[in-house]
PDB file of N, CA and C in Angstrom:
ATOM      1  N   LEU A   1     -92.015  -6.844  -5.809  1.00  0.00           N
ATOM      2  CA  LEU A   1     -93.455  -6.636  -6.086  1.00  0.00           C
ATOM      3  C   LEU A   1     -94.234  -7.900  -5.745  1.00  0.00           C
ATOM      4  N   ASP A   2     -95.325  -7.702  -5.055  1.00  0.00           N
ATOM      5  CA  ASP A   2     -96.159  -8.825  -4.645  1.00  0.00           C
ATOM      6  C   ASP A   2     -96.766  -9.508  -5.873  1.00  0.00           C
ATOM      7  N   ALA A   3     -96.656 -10.822  -5.925  1.00  0.00           N
ATOM      8  CA  ALA A   3     -97.176 -11.567  -7.080  1.00  0.00           C
ATOM      9  C   ALA A   3     -98.665 -11.346  -7.277  1.00  0.00           C
ATOM     10  N   SER A   4     -99.420 -11.223  -6.191  1.00  0.00           N
ATOM     11  CA  SER A   4    -100.858 -11.034  -6.324  1.00  0.00           C
ATOM     12  C   SER A   4    -101.174  -9.691  -6.970  1.00  0.00           C
ATOM     13  N   CYS A   5    -100.320  -8.707  -6.730  1.00  0.00           N
ATOM     14  CA  CYS A   5    -100.522  -7.414  -7.381  1.00  0.00           C
ATOM     15  C   CYS A   5    -100.226  -7.541  -8.869  1.00  0.00           C
ATOM     16  N   ARG A   6     -99.167  -8.228  -9.201  1.00  0.00           N
ATOM     17  CA  ARG A   6     -98.809  -8.442 -10.610  1.00  0.00           C
ATOM     18  C   ARG A   6     -99.898  -9.141 -11.390  1.00  0.00           C
ATOM     19  N   ASN A   7    -100.604 -10.039 -10.721  1.00  0.00           N
ATOM     20  CA  ASN A   7    -101.603 -10.844 -11.405  1.00  0.00           C
ATOM     21  C   ASN A   7    -102.954 -10.165 -11.577  1.00  0.00           C
ATOM     22  N   LEU A   8    -103.090  -8.943 -11.073  1.00  0.00           N
ATOM     23  CA  LEU A   8    -104.349  -8.229 -11.237  1.00  0.00           C
ATOM     24  C   LEU A   8    -104.466  -7.633 -12.640  1.00  0.00           C
ATOM     25  N   ASP A   9    -105.582  -6.953 -12.867  1.00  0.00           N
ATOM     26  CA  ASP A   9    -105.881  -6.472 -14.226  1.00  0.00           C
ATOM     27  C   ASP A   9    -104.951  -5.372 -14.745  1.00  0.00           C
ATOM     28  N   ALA A  10    -105.166  -4.965 -15.986  1.00  0.00           N
ATOM     29  CA  ALA A  10    -104.299  -3.998 -16.658  1.00  0.00           C
ATOM     30  C   ALA A  10    -104.191  -2.679 -15.895  1.00  0.00           C
ATOM     31  N   SER A  11    -105.263  -2.258 -15.214  1.00  0.00           N
ATOM     32  CA  SER A  11    -105.193  -1.004 -14.476  1.00  0.00           C
ATOM     33  C   SER A  11    -104.188  -1.104 -13.338  1.00  0.00           C
ATOM     34  N   CYS A  12    -104.040  -2.296 -12.766  1.00  0.00           N
ATOM     35  CA  CYS A  12    -103.013  -2.486 -11.754  1.00  0.00           C
ATOM     36  C   CYS A  12    -101.644  -2.453 -12.397  1.00  0.00           C
ATOM     37  N   ARG A  13    -101.503  -3.058 -13.548  1.00  0.00           N
ATOM     38  CA  ARG A  13    -100.206  -3.046 -14.244  1.00  0.00           C
ATOM     39  C   ARG A  13     -99.783  -1.626 -14.567  1.00  0.00           C
ATOM     40  N   ASN A  14    -100.759  -0.774 -14.853  1.00  0.00           N
ATOM     41  CA  ASN A  14    -100.440   0.624 -15.139  1.00  0.00           C
ATOM     42  C   ASN A  14     -99.944   1.342 -13.889  1.00  0.00           C
ATOM     43  N   LEU A  15    -100.260   0.786 -12.719  1.00  0.00           N
ATOM     44  CA  LEU A  15     -99.831   1.356 -11.443  1.00  0.00           C
ATOM     45  C   LEU A  15     -98.641   0.597 -10.879  1.00  0.00           C
ATOM     46  N   ASP A  16     -98.003  -0.197 -11.721  1.00  0.00           N
ATOM     47  CA  ASP A  16     -96.913  -1.069 -11.293  1.00  0.00           C
ATOM     48  C   ASP A  16     -95.863  -0.327 -10.464  1.00  0.00           C
ATOM     49  N   ALA A  17     -95.472   0.857 -10.924  1.00  0.00           N
ATOM     50  CA  ALA A  17     -94.465   1.627 -10.202  1.00  0.00           C
ATOM     51  C   ALA A  17     -94.962   2.008  -8.809  1.00  0.00           C
ATOM     52  N   SER A  18     -96.248   2.333  -8.705  1.00  0.00           N
ATOM     53  CA  SER A  18     -96.816   2.676  -7.408  1.00  0.00           C
ATOM     54  C   SER A  18     -96.833   1.458  -6.491  1.00  0.00           C
ATOM     55  N   CYS A  19     -97.140   0.305  -7.062  1.00  0.00           N
ATOM     56  CA  CYS A  19     -97.166  -0.927  -6.280  1.00  0.00           C
ATOM     57  C   CYS A  19     -95.790  -1.211  -5.686  1.00  0.00           C
ATOM     58  N   ARG A  20     -94.769  -1.012  -6.463  1.00  0.00           N
ATOM     59  CA  ARG A  20     -93.408  -1.272  -6.006  1.00  0.00           C
ATOM     60  C   ARG A  20     -93.011  -0.364  -4.855  1.00  0.00           C
ATOM     61  N   ASN A  21     -93.600   0.827  -4.830  1.00  0.00           N
ATOM     62  CA  ASN A  21     -93.245   1.786  -3.795  1.00  0.00           C
ATOM     63  C   ASN A  21     -93.954   1.544  -2.470  1.00  0.00           C
ATOM     64  N   LEU A  22     -94.862   0.593  -2.444  1.00  0.00           N
ATOM     65  CA  LEU A  22     -95.610   0.317  -1.225  1.00  0.00           C
ATOM     66  C   LEU A  22     -95.085  -0.926  -0.521  1.00  0.00           C
ATOM     67  N   ASP A  23     -95.064  -0.860   0.809  1.00  0.00           N
ATOM     68  CA  ASP A  23     -94.590  -1.996   1.603  1.00  0.00           C
ATOM     69  C   ASP A  23     -95.677  -3.039   1.776  1.00  0.00           C
ATOM     70  N   SER A  24     -96.924  -2.592   1.808  1.00  0.00           N
ATOM     71  CA  SER A  24     -98.039  -3.505   1.991  1.00  0.00           C
ATOM     72  C   SER A  24     -98.837  -3.598   0.699  1.00  0.00           C
ATOM     73  N   LYS A  25     -99.883  -4.413   0.685  1.00  0.00           N
ATOM     74  CA  LYS A  25    -100.681  -4.569  -0.529  1.00  0.00           C
ATOM     75  C   LYS A  25    -101.285  -3.245  -0.961  1.00  0.00           C
ATOM     76  N   ASP A  26    -101.244  -2.982  -2.235  1.00  0.00           N
ATOM     77  CA  ASP A  26    -101.682  -1.709  -2.788  1.00  0.00           C
ATOM     78  C   ASP A  26    -103.197  -1.646  -2.931  1.00  0.00           C
ATOM     79  N   SER A  27    -103.813  -0.752  -2.194  1.00  0.00           N
ATOM     80  CA  SER A  27    -105.266  -0.614  -2.262  1.00  0.00           C
ATOM     81  C   SER A  27    -105.714  -0.104  -3.630  1.00  0.00           C
ATOM     82  N   HIS A  28    -104.816   0.583  -4.347  1.00  0.00           N
ATOM     83  CA  HIS A  28    -105.147   1.052  -5.690  1.00  0.00           C
ATOM     84  C   HIS A  28    -105.340  -0.117  -6.639  1.00  0.00           C
ATOM     85  N   CYS A  29    -104.632  -1.213  -6.376  1.00  0.00           N
ATOM     86  CA  CYS A  29    -104.772  -2.408  -7.204  1.00  0.00           C
ATOM     87  C   CYS A  29    -106.077  -3.112  -6.856  1.00  0.00           C
TER      88      CYS A  29
END
């Protein structure tokens, strides 16, 4: 998981599983 995604707000943390499934930066985050 990209560190920058991890460091975003709680709504990104709620999408953590989705972030892991993406190869590039998650636009949802």
